[in-house]
Amino acid sequence: MAAMKPRTGDGPMELAKEGRGIIFRLPIDGGGRLVVELNQDEVNELESVIAGFQNK
Protein backbone atom coordinates (compact mmCIF):
# COMPACT_ATOMS: atom_id res chain seq x y z
CA MET A 1 0.00 0.00 0.00
CA ALA A 2 1.30 3.46 -0.88
CA ALA A 3 2.18 5.85 1.91
CA MET A 4 -0.43 8.51 2.53
CA LYS A 5 0.87 12.06 2.38
CA PRO A 6 -1.02 15.02 3.78
CA ARG A 7 -2.74 17.12 1.13
CA THR A 8 -1.79 20.68 1.81
CA GLY A 9 -1.98 23.71 -0.39
CA ASP A 10 1.30 24.95 1.00
CA GLY A 11 4.05 25.63 -1.46
CA PRO A 12 4.67 27.93 -4.35
CA MET A 13 2.78 28.31 -7.57
CA GLU A 14 4.63 26.38 -10.28
CA LEU A 15 4.85 26.65 -14.04
CA ALA A 16 6.85 23.97 -15.86
CA LYS A 17 7.28 22.84 -19.46
CA GLU A 18 6.58 19.12 -19.72
CA GLY A 19 6.60 17.58 -23.16
CA ARG A 20 4.64 19.80 -25.55
CA GLY A 21 2.50 21.32 -22.79
CA ILE A 22 3.03 23.77 -19.97
CA ILE A 23 1.86 22.58 -16.55
CA PHE A 24 0.47 25.15 -14.10
CA ARG A 25 0.18 24.02 -10.46
CA LEU A 26 -1.73 26.29 -8.10
CA PRO A 27 -2.19 25.63 -4.35
CA ILE A 28 -5.87 25.90 -3.37
CA ASP A 29 -7.72 26.56 -0.12
CA GLY A 30 -8.64 23.42 1.74
CA GLY A 31 -5.55 21.56 0.59
CA GLY A 32 -4.41 20.11 -2.67
CA ARG A 33 -3.37 21.73 -5.90
CA LEU A 34 -5.14 22.70 -9.06
CA VAL A 35 -3.15 21.30 -12.00
CA VAL A 36 -3.85 22.64 -15.50
CA GLU A 37 -2.07 21.86 -18.76
CA LEU A 38 -1.84 24.83 -21.13
CA ASN A 39 -0.37 25.48 -24.55
CA GLN A 40 1.76 28.56 -25.30
CA ASP A 41 -1.18 30.55 -26.72
CA GLU A 42 -3.19 29.95 -23.55
CA VAL A 43 -0.24 31.01 -21.38
CA ASN A 44 0.10 34.24 -23.38
CA GLU A 45 -3.64 34.94 -23.02
CA LEU A 46 -3.54 34.25 -19.27
CA GLU A 47 -0.54 36.57 -18.93
CA SER A 48 -2.38 39.43 -20.69
CA VAL A 49 -5.52 38.91 -18.57
CA ILE A 50 -3.49 39.00 -15.34
CA ALA A 51 -1.55 42.08 -16.50
CA GLY A 52 -4.82 43.83 -17.33
CA PHE A 53 -6.24 42.97 -13.92
CA GLN A 54 -3.16 44.37 -12.15
CA ASN A 55 -3.44 47.67 -14.04
CA LYS A 56 -6.99 48.33 -12.78
C-alpha atoms as a PDB file:
ATOM      1  CA  MET A   1       0.000   0.000   0.000  1.00  0.00           C
ATOM      2  CA  ALA A   2       1.301   3.459  -0.879  1.00  0.00           C
ATOM      3  CA  ALA A   3       2.185   5.854   1.907  1.00  0.00           C
ATOM      4  CA  MET A   4      -0.427   8.512   2.533  1.00  0.00           C
ATOM      5  CA  LYS A   5       0.866  12.063   2.381  1.00  0.00           C
ATOM      6  CA  PRO A   6      -1.024  15.019   3.777  1.00  0.00           C
ATOM      7  CA  ARG A   7      -2.740  17.117   1.128  1.00  0.00           C
ATOM      8  CA  THR A   8      -1.790  20.681   1.813  1.00  0.00           C
ATOM      9  CA  GLY A   9      -1.983  23.713  -0.386  1.00  0.00           C
ATOM     10  CA  ASP A  10       1.302  24.951   0.996  1.00  0.00           C
ATOM     11  CA  GLY A  11       4.048  25.633  -1.459  1.00  0.00           C
ATOM     12  CA  PRO A  12       4.667  27.934  -4.354  1.00  0.00           C
ATOM     13  CA  MET A  13       2.779  28.312  -7.574  1.00  0.00           C
ATOM     14  CA  GLU A  14       4.629  26.377 -10.278  1.00  0.00           C
ATOM     15  CA  LEU A  15       4.846  26.652 -14.040  1.00  0.00           C
ATOM     16  CA  ALA A  16       6.847  23.973 -15.863  1.00  0.00           C
ATOM     17  CA  LYS A  17       7.278  22.837 -19.461  1.00  0.00           C
ATOM     18  CA  GLU A  18       6.584  19.122 -19.716  1.00  0.00           C
ATOM     19  CA  GLY A  19       6.596  17.581 -23.160  1.00  0.00           C
ATOM     20  CA  ARG A  20       4.640  19.800 -25.553  1.00  0.00           C
ATOM     21  CA  GLY A  21       2.497  21.323 -22.794  1.00  0.00           C
ATOM     22  CA  ILE A  22       3.029  23.768 -19.969  1.00  0.00           C
ATOM     23  CA  ILE A  23       1.861  22.578 -16.553  1.00  0.00           C
ATOM     24  CA  PHE A  24       0.470  25.149 -14.097  1.00  0.00           C
ATOM     25  CA  ARG A  25       0.184  24.017 -10.459  1.00  0.00           C
ATOM     26  CA  LEU A  26      -1.727  26.285  -8.096  1.00  0.00           C
ATOM     27  CA  PRO A  27      -2.194  25.629  -4.354  1.00  0.00           C
ATOM     28  CA  ILE A  28      -5.868  25.903  -3.365  1.00  0.00           C
ATOM     29  CA  ASP A  29      -7.716  26.564  -0.121  1.00  0.00           C
ATOM     30  CA  GLY A  30      -8.639  23.416   1.743  1.00  0.00           C
ATOM     31  CA  GLY A  31      -5.546  21.561   0.590  1.00  0.00           C
ATOM     32  CA  GLY A  32      -4.408  20.108  -2.665  1.00  0.00           C
ATOM     33  CA  ARG A  33      -3.365  21.730  -5.897  1.00  0.00           C
ATOM     34  CA  LEU A  34      -5.138  22.703  -9.059  1.00  0.00           C
ATOM     35  CA  VAL A  35      -3.153  21.302 -12.002  1.00  0.00           C
ATOM     36  CA  VAL A  36      -3.848  22.642 -15.497  1.00  0.00           C
ATOM     37  CA  GLU A  37      -2.073  21.859 -18.763  1.00  0.00           C
ATOM     38  CA  LEU A  38      -1.839  24.833 -21.130  1.00  0.00           C
ATOM     39  CA  ASN A  39      -0.367  25.478 -24.548  1.00  0.00           C
ATOM     40  CA  GLN A  40       1.758  28.559 -25.303  1.00  0.00           C
ATOM     41  CA  ASP A  41      -1.180  30.551 -26.723  1.00  0.00           C
ATOM     42  CA  GLU A  42      -3.191  29.949 -23.545  1.00  0.00           C
ATOM     43  CA  VAL A  43      -0.237  31.008 -21.379  1.00  0.00           C
ATOM     44  CA  ASN A  44       0.098  34.237 -23.378  1.00  0.00           C
ATOM     45  CA  GLU A  45      -3.638  34.941 -23.023  1.00  0.00           C
ATOM     46  CA  LEU A  46      -3.538  34.254 -19.273  1.00  0.00           C
ATOM     47  CA  GLU A  47      -0.542  36.569 -18.933  1.00  0.00           C
ATOM     48  CA  SER A  48      -2.379  39.430 -20.685  1.00  0.00           C
ATOM     49  CA  VAL A  49      -5.515  38.906 -18.574  1.00  0.00           C
ATOM     50  CA  ILE A  50      -3.490  39.003 -15.336  1.00  0.00           C
ATOM     51  CA  ALA A  51      -1.546  42.082 -16.499  1.00  0.00           C
ATOM     52  CA  GLY A  52      -4.820  43.828 -17.328  1.00  0.00           C
ATOM     53  CA  PHE A  53      -6.242  42.970 -13.922  1.00  0.00           C
ATOM     54  CA  GLN A  54      -3.161  44.375 -12.150  1.00  0.00           C
ATOM     55  CA  ASN A  55      -3.437  47.665 -14.039  1.00  0.00           C
ATOM     56  CA  LYS A  56      -6.988  48.330 -12.777  1.00  0.00           C
END
